[in-house]
C-alpha atoms as a PDB file:
ATOM      1  CA  UNK A   1     111.253 134.906  65.930  1.00  0.00           C
ATOM      2  CA  UNK A   2     108.328 135.650  68.218  1.00  0.00           C
ATOM      3  CA  UNK A   3     109.874 133.628  71.040  1.00  0.00           C
ATOM      4  CA  UNK A   4     113.152 135.538  70.639  1.00  0.00           C
ATOM      5  CA  UNK A   5     111.286 138.845  70.956  1.00  0.00           C
ATOM      6  CA  UNK A   6     109.641 137.575  74.152  1.00  0.00           C
ATOM      7  CA  UNK A   7     112.973 136.538  75.673  1.00  0.00           C
ATOM      8  CA  UNK A   8     114.530 139.944  74.882  1.00  0.00           C
ATOM      9  CA  UNK A   9     111.502 141.697  76.370  1.00  0.00           C
ATOM     10  CA  UNK A  10     111.612 139.594  79.523  1.00  0.00           C
ATOM     11  CA  UNK A  11     115.359 140.150  79.866  1.00  0.00           C
ATOM     12  CA  UNK A  12     114.964 143.922  79.983  1.00  0.00           C
ATOM     13  CA  UNK A  13     111.964 143.657  82.308  1.00  0.00           C
ATOM     14  CA  UNK A  14     114.031 141.462  84.636  1.00  0.00           C
ATOM     15  CA  UNK A  15     116.925 143.916  84.609  1.00  0.00           C
ATOM     16  CA  UNK A  16     114.552 146.767  85.395  1.00  0.00           C
ATOM     17  CA  UNK A  17     112.868 144.810  88.172  1.00  0.00           C
ATOM     18  CA  UNK A  18     116.202 143.931  89.770  1.00  0.00           C
ATOM     19  CA  UNK A  19     116.882 147.649  90.259  1.00  0.00           C
ATOM     20  CA  UNK A  20     113.898 148.015  92.523  1.00  0.00           C
ATOM     21  CA  UNK A  21     112.243 146.065  95.293  1.00  0.00           C
ATOM     22  CA  UNK A  22     109.105 144.171  94.472  1.00  0.00           C
ATOM     23  CA  UNK A  23     106.896 142.941  97.268  1.00  0.00           C
ATOM     24  CA  UNK A  24     105.541 139.405  97.180  1.00  0.00           C
ATOM     25  CA  UNK A  25     102.059 140.859  96.773  1.00  0.00           C
ATOM     26  CA  UNK A  26     103.180 142.763  93.671  1.00  0.00           C
ATOM     27  CA  UNK A  27     104.858 139.692  92.215  1.00  0.00           C
ATOM     28  CA  UNK A  28     101.723 137.678  92.878  1.00  0.00           C
ATOM     29  CA  UNK A  29      99.554 140.210  91.027  1.00  0.00           C
ATOM     30  CA  UNK A  30     101.948 140.212  88.059  1.00  0.00           C
ATOM     31  CA  UNK A  31     101.913 136.412  87.909  1.00  0.00           C
ATOM     32  CA  UNK A  32      98.120 136.326  88.031  1.00  0.00           C
ATOM     33  CA  UNK A  33      97.957 138.831  85.183  1.00  0.00           C
ATOM     34  CA  UNK A  34     100.451 136.821  83.142  1.00  0.00           C
ATOM     35  CA  UNK A  35      98.711 133.480  83.695  1.00  0.00           C
ATOM     36  CA  UNK A  36      95.301 134.979  82.899  1.00  0.00           C
ATOM     37  CA  UNK A  37      96.674 135.646  79.406  1.00  0.00           C
ATOM     38  CA  UNK A  38      97.513 131.942  79.080  1.00  0.00           C
ATOM     39  CA  UNK A  39      93.890 131.104  79.859  1.00  0.00           C
ATOM     40  CA  UNK A  40      92.679 133.747  77.406  1.00  0.00           C
ATOM     41  CA  UNK A  41      94.776 132.463  74.500  1.00  0.00           C
ATOM     42  CA  UNK A  42      93.830 128.879  75.373  1.00  0.00           C
ATOM     43  CA  UNK A  43      90.114 129.736  75.183  1.00  0.00           C
ATOM     44  CA  UNK A  44      90.709 131.408  71.809  1.00  0.00           C
ATOM     45  CA  UNK A  45      92.838 128.462  70.617  1.00  0.00           C
ATOM     46  CA  UNK A  46      95.605 130.897  69.652  1.00  0.00           C
ATOM     47  CA  UNK A  47      98.527 128.490  69.774  1.00  0.00           C
ATOM     48  CA  UNK A  48     101.338 130.896  68.805  1.00  0.00           C
ATOM     49  CA  UNK A  49     100.250 133.439  71.390  1.00  0.00           C
ATOM     50  CA  UNK A  50      99.761 130.662  73.948  1.00  0.00           C
ATOM     51  CA  UNK A  51     103.339 129.507  73.438  1.00  0.00           C
ATOM     52  CA  UNK A  52     104.690 133.040  73.836  1.00  0.00           C
ATOM     53  CA  UNK A  53     102.618 133.704  76.957  1.00  0.00           C
ATOM     54  CA  UNK A  54     103.733 130.444  78.545  1.00  0.00           C
ATOM     55  CA  UNK A  55     107.338 131.501  77.966  1.00  0.00           C
ATOM     56  CA  UNK A  56     106.652 134.871  79.581  1.00  0.00           C
ATOM     57  CA  UNK A  57     105.026 133.316  82.628  1.00  0.00           C
ATOM     58  CA  UNK A  58     107.847 130.795  83.007  1.00  0.00           C
ATOM     59  CA  UNK A  59     110.584 133.429  82.810  1.00  0.00           C
ATOM     60  CA  UNK A  60     108.792 135.688  85.291  1.00  0.00           C
ATOM     61  CA  UNK A  61     108.331 132.885  87.826  1.00  0.00           C
ATOM     62  CA  UNK A  62     111.951 131.756  87.384  1.00  0.00           C
ATOM     63  CA  UNK A  63     113.162 135.299  88.022  1.00  0.00           C
ATOM     64  CA  UNK A  64     111.016 135.908  91.104  1.00  0.00           C
ATOM     65  CA  UNK A  65     111.791 132.558  92.725  1.00  0.00           C
ATOM     66  CA  UNK A  66     115.525 132.901  92.096  1.00  0.00           C
ATOM     67  CA  UNK A  67     116.160 136.501  93.115  1.00  0.00           C
ATOM     68  CA  UNK A  68     113.559 137.046  95.841  1.00  0.00           C
ATOM     69  CA  UNK A  69     114.246 134.557  98.678  1.00  0.00           C
ATOM     70  CA  UNK A  70     111.057 135.517 100.496  1.00  0.00           C
ATOM     71  CA  UNK A  71     109.011 133.800  97.777  1.00  0.00           C
ATOM     72  CA  UNK A  72     110.049 130.417  99.207  1.00  0.00           C
ATOM     73  CA  UNK A  73     107.716 130.861 102.172  1.00  0.00           C
ATOM     74  CA  UNK A  74     105.159 133.291 100.751  1.00  0.00           C
ATOM     75  CA  UNK A  75     101.769 131.468 100.523  1.00  0.00           C
ATOM     76  CA  UNK A  76     100.638 132.868  97.128  1.00  0.00           C
ATOM     77  CA  UNK A  77      97.041 132.113  98.141  1.00  0.00           C
ATOM     78  CA  UNK A  78      95.541 134.536  95.637  1.00  0.00           C
ATOM     79  CA  UNK A  79      97.608 133.040  92.809  1.00  0.00           C
ATOM     80  CA  UNK A  80      96.508 129.519  93.677  1.00  0.00           C
ATOM     81  CA  UNK A  81      92.857 130.392  94.212  1.00  0.00           C
ATOM     82  CA  UNK A  82      92.446 132.468  91.052  1.00  0.00           C
ATOM     83  CA  UNK A  83      94.438 130.350  88.592  1.00  0.00           C
ATOM     84  CA  UNK A  84      94.499 126.774  89.888  1.00  0.00           C
ATOM     85  CA  UNK A  85      98.309 126.785  89.944  1.00  0.00           C
ATOM     86  CA  UNK A  86      99.611 124.242  92.455  1.00  0.00           C
ATOM     87  CA  UNK A  87     102.343 125.118  94.955  1.00  0.00           C
ATOM     88  CA  UNK A  88     103.433 122.150  97.063  1.00  0.00           C
ATOM     89  CA  UNK A  89     105.634 123.011 100.040  1.00  0.00           C
ATOM     90  CA  UNK A  90     107.608 120.788 102.406  1.00  0.00           C
ATOM     91  CA  UNK A  91     106.787 120.840 106.155  1.00  0.00           C
ATOM     92  CA  UNK A  92     110.099 122.575 106.941  1.00  0.00           C
ATOM     93  CA  UNK A  93     109.479 125.284 104.301  1.00  0.00           C
ATOM     94  CA  UNK A  94     112.840 124.595 102.633  1.00  0.00           C
ATOM     95  CA  UNK A  95     111.502 123.076  99.416  1.00  0.00           C
ATOM     96  CA  UNK A  96     108.552 123.717  97.153  1.00  0.00           C
ATOM     97  CA  UNK A  97     107.384 122.848  93.650  1.00  0.00           C
ATOM     98  CA  UNK A  98     105.317 125.146  91.452  1.00  0.00           C
ATOM     99  CA  UNK A  99     103.138 123.377  88.872  1.00  0.00           C
ATOM    100  CA  UNK A 100     100.992 124.924  86.178  1.00  0.00           C
ATOM    101  CA  UNK A 101      99.015 123.683  83.204  1.00  0.00           C
ATOM    102  CA  UNK A 102     100.291 125.129  79.912  1.00  0.00           C
ATOM    103  CA  UNK A 103      96.907 124.377  78.285  1.00  0.00           C
ATOM    104  CA  UNK A 104      98.719 123.221  75.165  1.00  0.00           C
ATOM    105  CA  UNK A 105      97.716 119.574  75.303  1.00  0.00           C
ATOM    106  CA  UNK A 106      93.912 119.397  75.255  1.00  0.00           C
ATOM    107  CA  UNK A 107      92.756 116.436  77.342  1.00  0.00           C
ATOM    108  CA  UNK A 108      96.434 115.549  77.728  1.00  0.00           C
ATOM    109  CA  UNK A 109      97.417 118.102  80.348  1.00  0.00           C
ATOM    110  CA  UNK A 110     100.994 119.296  79.873  1.00  0.00           C
ATOM    111  CA  UNK A 111     102.417 120.781  83.068  1.00  0.00           C
ATOM    112  CA  UNK A 112     105.593 122.697  83.705  1.00  0.00           C
ATOM    113  CA  UNK A 113     107.440 123.017  86.998  1.00  0.00           C
ATOM    114  CA  UNK A 114     109.772 125.246  88.967  1.00  0.00           C
ATOM    115  CA  UNK A 115     111.667 123.545  91.814  1.00  0.00           C
ATOM    116  CA  UNK A 116     112.638 126.052  94.510  1.00  0.00           C
ATOM    117  CA  UNK A 117     114.687 125.140  97.579  1.00  0.00           C
ATOM    118  CA  UNK A 118     117.175 126.447 100.098  1.00  0.00           C
ATOM    119  CA  UNK A 119     120.685 125.058  99.924  1.00  0.00           C
ATOM    120  CA  UNK A 120     123.027 126.333 102.599  1.00  0.00           C
ATOM    121  CA  UNK A 121     122.464 130.131 102.533  1.00  0.00           C
ATOM    122  CA  UNK A 122     121.202 130.409  98.963  1.00  0.00           C
ATOM    123  CA  UNK A 123     117.792 129.998  97.358  1.00  0.00           C
ATOM    124  CA  UNK A 124     117.843 127.877  94.204  1.00  0.00           C
ATOM    125  CA  UNK A 125     115.228 127.882  91.455  1.00  0.00           C
ATOM    126  CA  UNK A 126     115.341 125.117  88.837  1.00  0.00           C
ATOM    127  CA  UNK A 127     113.314 124.573  85.695  1.00  0.00           C
ATOM    128  CA  UNK A 128     113.405 120.984  84.492  1.00  0.00           C
ATOM    129  CA  UNK A 129     111.454 119.031  81.916  1.00  0.00           C
ATOM    130  CA  UNK A 130     111.292 115.466  83.166  1.00  0.00           C
ATOM    131  CA  UNK A 131     111.043 112.540  80.767  1.00  0.00           C
ATOM    132  CA  UNK A 132     108.205 110.453  82.155  1.00  0.00           C
ATOM    133  CA  UNK A 133     108.042 108.205  79.090  1.00  0.00           C
ATOM    134  CA  UNK A 134     105.774 105.182  79.411  1.00  0.00           C
ATOM    135  CA  UNK A 135     103.060 103.486  77.385  1.00  0.00           C
ATOM    136  CA  UNK A 136     100.714 106.443  77.838  1.00  0.00           C
ATOM    137  CA  UNK A 137     103.199 109.267  77.591  1.00  0.00           C
ATOM    138  CA  UNK A 138     105.669 109.221  74.721  1.00  0.00           C
ATOM    139  CA  UNK A 139     106.882 112.780  75.104  1.00  0.00           C
ATOM    140  CA  UNK A 140     108.612 114.706  77.908  1.00  0.00           C
ATOM    141  CA  UNK A 141     106.306 116.603  80.206  1.00  0.00           C
ATOM    142  CA  UNK A 142     106.132 117.824  83.758  1.00  0.00           C
ATOM    143  CA  UNK A 143     103.653 116.815  86.427  1.00  0.00           C
ATOM    144  CA  UNK A 144     101.261 118.449  88.811  1.00  0.00           C
ATOM    145  CA  UNK A 145     102.709 118.142  92.326  1.00  0.00           C
ATOM    146  CA  UNK A 146     100.106 118.285  95.073  1.00  0.00           C
ATOM    147  CA  UNK A 147     102.035 117.460  98.262  1.00  0.00           C
ATOM    148  CA  UNK A 148     105.534 117.213  99.689  1.00  0.00           C
ATOM    149  CA  UNK A 149     106.022 115.110 102.822  1.00  0.00           C
ATOM    150  CA  UNK A 150     109.243 114.681 104.765  1.00  0.00           C
ATOM    151  CA  UNK A 151     111.139 111.822 106.356  1.00  0.00           C
ATOM    152  CA  UNK A 152     113.646 112.916 108.988  1.00  0.00           C
ATOM    153  CA  UNK A 153     116.509 110.554 109.761  1.00  0.00           C
ATOM    154  CA  UNK A 154     119.418 111.189 112.119  1.00  0.00           C
ATOM    155  CA  UNK A 155     121.424 112.999 109.428  1.00  0.00           C
ATOM    156  CA  UNK A 156     119.185 113.684 106.416  1.00  0.00           C
ATOM    157  CA  UNK A 157     115.759 115.068 105.583  1.00  0.00           C
ATOM    158  CA  UNK A 158     114.172 113.255 102.645  1.00  0.00           C
ATOM    159  CA  UNK A 159     111.329 114.801 100.679  1.00  0.00           C
ATOM    160  CA  UNK A 160     108.486 112.680  99.326  1.00  0.00           C
ATOM    161  CA  UNK A 161     106.645 114.467  96.525  1.00  0.00           C
ATOM    162  CA  UNK A 162     103.309 113.290  95.110  1.00  0.00           C
ATOM    163  CA  UNK A 163     102.932 113.861  91.361  1.00  0.00           C
ATOM    164  CA  UNK A 164      99.959 113.571  89.006  1.00  0.00           C
ATOM    165  CA  UNK A 165      99.673 113.174  85.231  1.00  0.00           C
ATOM    166  CA  UNK A 166      96.532 113.380  83.101  1.00  0.00           C
ATOM    167  CA  UNK A 167      96.816 111.830  79.640  1.00  0.00           C
ATOM    168  CA  UNK A 168      93.110 111.894  78.734  1.00  0.00           C
ATOM    169  CA  UNK A 169      89.721 112.178  80.430  1.00  0.00           C
ATOM    170  CA  UNK A 170      90.181 108.574  81.560  1.00  0.00           C
ATOM    171  CA  UNK A 171      93.901 107.752  81.687  1.00  0.00           C
ATOM    172  CA  UNK A 172      95.883 109.130  84.603  1.00  0.00           C
ATOM    173  CA  UNK A 173      99.003 108.408  86.597  1.00  0.00           C
ATOM    174  CA  UNK A 174     100.102 109.075  90.145  1.00  0.00           C
ATOM    175  CA  UNK A 175     103.431 108.466  91.812  1.00  0.00           C
ATOM    176  CA  UNK A 176     105.657 109.304  94.774  1.00  0.00           C
ATOM    177  CA  UNK A 177     109.221 110.572  94.242  1.00  0.00           C
ATOM    178  CA  UNK A 178     111.985 110.890  96.842  1.00  0.00           C
ATOM    179  CA  UNK A 179     114.809 113.453  96.935  1.00  0.00           C
ATOM    180  CA  UNK A 180     116.998 115.396  99.350  1.00  0.00           C
ATOM    181  CA  UNK A 181     119.071 118.593  99.393  1.00  0.00           C
ATOM    182  CA  UNK A 182     122.854 118.376  99.689  1.00  0.00           C
ATOM    183  CA  UNK A 183     125.536 120.995  99.034  1.00  0.00           C
ATOM    184  CA  UNK A 184     123.081 123.204  97.190  1.00  0.00           C
ATOM    185  CA  UNK A 185     121.802 120.430  94.909  1.00  0.00           C
ATOM    186  CA  UNK A 186     118.465 118.651  94.744  1.00  0.00           C
ATOM    187  CA  UNK A 187     119.277 114.944  94.471  1.00  0.00           C
ATOM    188  CA  UNK A 188     117.041 112.000  93.653  1.00  0.00           C
ATOM    189  CA  UNK A 189     117.561 109.077  96.003  1.00  0.00           C
ATOM    190  CA  UNK A 190     116.602 105.408  95.724  1.00  0.00           C
ATOM    191  CA  UNK A 191     114.867 104.464  98.953  1.00  0.00           C
ATOM    192  CA  UNK A 192     111.956 102.224  97.888  1.00  0.00           C
ATOM    193  CA  UNK A 193     112.772  98.510  97.899  1.00  0.00           C
ATOM    194  CA  UNK A 194     110.686  96.431  95.480  1.00  0.00           C
ATOM    195  CA  UNK A 195     110.918  92.972  93.935  1.00  0.00           C
ATOM    196  CA  UNK A 196     112.491  94.448  90.819  1.00  0.00           C
ATOM    197  CA  UNK A 197     115.049  96.621  92.590  1.00  0.00           C
ATOM    198  CA  UNK A 198     115.532  99.751  94.684  1.00  0.00           C
ATOM    199  CA  UNK A 199     113.719 102.732  93.225  1.00  0.00           C
ATOM    200  CA  UNK A 200     113.572 106.490  93.503  1.00  0.00           C
ATOM    201  CA  UNK A 201     109.851 106.550  92.744  1.00  0.00           C
ATOM    202  CA  UNK A 202     106.796 104.342  92.714  1.00  0.00           C
ATOM    203  CA  UNK A 203     103.591 104.890  90.777  1.00  0.00           C
ATOM    204  CA  UNK A 204     100.754 103.465  88.744  1.00  0.00           C
ATOM    205  CA  UNK A 205      98.416 104.237  85.856  1.00  0.00           C
ATOM    206  CA  UNK A 206      94.707 104.240  86.653  1.00  0.00           C
ATOM    207  CA  UNK A 207      91.210 104.871  85.352  1.00  0.00           C
ATOM    208  CA  UNK A 208      90.061 108.279  86.579  1.00  0.00           C
ATOM    209  CA  UNK A 209      86.384 107.281  86.294  1.00  0.00           C
ATOM    210  CA  UNK A 210      86.902 104.674  89.024  1.00  0.00           C
ATOM    211  CA  UNK A 211      87.529 107.525  91.513  1.00  0.00           C
ATOM    212  CA  UNK A 212      85.596 110.362  89.852  1.00  0.00           C
ATOM    213  CA  UNK A 213      83.147 110.587  92.795  1.00  0.00           C
ATOM    214  CA  UNK A 214      85.898 111.504  95.248  1.00  0.00           C
ATOM    215  CA  UNK A 215      85.615 115.218  96.134  1.00  0.00           C
ATOM    216  CA  UNK A 216      89.275 116.312  96.227  1.00  0.00           C
ATOM    217  CA  UNK A 217      91.168 117.515  93.159  1.00  0.00           C
ATOM    218  CA  UNK A 218      93.616 116.268  92.276  1.00  0.00           C
ATOM    219  CA  UNK A 219      92.507 112.896  93.604  1.00  0.00           C
ATOM    220  CA  UNK A 220      94.941 111.851  96.339  1.00  0.00           C
ATOM    221  CA  UNK A 221      95.420 108.102  96.074  1.00  0.00           C
ATOM    222  CA  UNK A 222      98.950 107.746  97.457  1.00  0.00           C
ATOM    223  CA  UNK A 223      99.215 108.730 101.112  1.00  0.00           C
ATOM    224  CA  UNK A 224     102.047 108.997 103.595  1.00  0.00           C
ATOM    225  CA  UNK A 225     101.854 108.562 107.367  1.00  0.00           C
ATOM    226  CA  UNK A 226     104.696 110.594 108.880  1.00  0.00           C
ATOM    227  CA  UNK A 227     104.154 109.062 112.321  1.00  0.00           C
ATOM    228  CA  UNK A 228     104.598 105.457 111.188  1.00  0.00           C
ATOM    229  CA  UNK A 229     106.833 106.479 108.240  1.00  0.00           C
ATOM    230  CA  UNK A 230     104.689 104.458 105.872  1.00  0.00           C
ATOM    231  CA  UNK A 231     103.820 104.987 102.199  1.00  0.00           C
ATOM    232  CA  UNK A 232     100.392 103.635 101.262  1.00  0.00           C
ATOM    233  CA  UNK A 233      99.863 102.671  97.613  1.00  0.00           C
ATOM    234  CA  UNK A 234      96.375 101.606  96.466  1.00  0.00           C
ATOM    235  CA  UNK A 235      95.939  98.245  94.757  1.00  0.00           C
ATOM    236  CA  UNK A 236      94.958  98.805  91.121  1.00  0.00           C
ATOM    237  CA  UNK A 237      93.199  96.183  89.004  1.00  0.00           C
ATOM    238  CA  UNK A 238      94.413  95.302  85.507  1.00  0.00           C
ATOM    239  CA  UNK A 239      91.666  97.471  83.983  1.00  0.00           C
ATOM    240  CA  UNK A 240      92.935 100.493  85.923  1.00  0.00           C
ATOM    241  CA  UNK A 241      90.231 100.562  88.566  1.00  0.00           C
ATOM    242  CA  UNK A 242      91.301 101.697  92.033  1.00  0.00           C
ATOM    243  CA  UNK A 243      90.334  99.386  94.894  1.00  0.00           C
ATOM    244  CA  UNK A 244      90.014 100.148  98.612  1.00  0.00           C
ATOM    245  CA  UNK A 245      93.013  97.918  99.400  1.00  0.00           C
ATOM    246  CA  UNK A 246      96.569  99.123  99.926  1.00  0.00           C
ATOM    247  CA  UNK A 247     100.189  98.056  99.678  1.00  0.00           C
ATOM    248  CA  UNK A 248     102.240  99.457 102.539  1.00  0.00           C
ATOM    249  CA  UNK A 249     105.912 100.437 102.386  1.00  0.00           C
ATOM    250  CA  UNK A 250     107.387 101.198 105.810  1.00  0.00           C
ATOM    251  CA  UNK A 251     110.748 102.869 106.394  1.00  0.00           C
ATOM    252  CA  UNK A 252     112.947 100.341 108.207  1.00  0.00           C
ATOM    253  CA  UNK A 253     115.946 102.584 108.807  1.00  0.00           C
ATOM    254  CA  UNK A 254     117.522 102.160 105.370  1.00  0.00           C
ATOM    255  CA  UNK A 255     114.719 101.622 102.859  1.00  0.00           C
ATOM    256  CA  UNK A 256     110.959 101.728 102.481  1.00  0.00           C
ATOM    257  CA  UNK A 257     110.055  98.041 102.409  1.00  0.00           C
ATOM    258  CA  UNK A 258     106.764  96.287 101.757  1.00  0.00           C
ATOM    259  CA  UNK A 259     105.252  95.124 105.038  1.00  0.00           C
ATOM    260  CA  UNK A 260     101.992  93.592 103.837  1.00  0.00           C
ATOM    261  CA  UNK A 261      99.740  93.371 100.815  1.00  0.00           C
ATOM    262  CA  UNK A 262      95.956  93.426 100.933  1.00  0.00           C
ATOM    263  CA  UNK A 263      94.533  91.850  97.807  1.00  0.00           C
ATOM    264  CA  UNK A 264      91.096  92.764  96.448  1.00  0.00           C
ATOM    265  CA  UNK A 265      88.444  90.090  96.721  1.00  0.00           C
END
């Protein structure tokens, strides 16, 4: 019942907002205020209120990113700096992913995402819960996206997004996912050639404590060299420890293919 009340409230707020012009600065302030309530209810361990506030924040962000095209290129620096929300944008400014922690999972960080992109002359805003089921994650959840790189071919721009999952203080996952925009749709594409088949994404589970001394957050283990068009994946030991060796996948004109493997000593 509470969630229904929130949706009705947000609906009327959205209708009222559509009748006037909001600046990006005003939207940013409203989002900061909304997300600060998520942090407040999380600190108080008020789960019902936390659920309602997450719904309110989600609906507000969906509305702003769908009906205000200028949000696609607005930096939202204050929002990112004051809340820790991640906004990953492509180099051509046509695609971005908003990621935020719902603070409903404890040490298992449950993220949600808005995918915003320009298709033809229209701005699209999608909310999707992705099923990332594996041995560490038995339930659907989103990811924190830190970076979006691009691969430009003669007829298509492919986007390479780096995602992060935190299942506990120790158990984490990182992967790279490839997509492109066509006819107003965001489409996953299989471009990574491996021994087990051609994949849309490539990732690994790892022990966070093996890289805890690295200064950046989130820890950036997968890298992409746009000049050589090469994805660099670190070699991970069976116990989850990250080594200083890499597996390299270079774009050969059709697929990213492994060009060499450096094994740890």
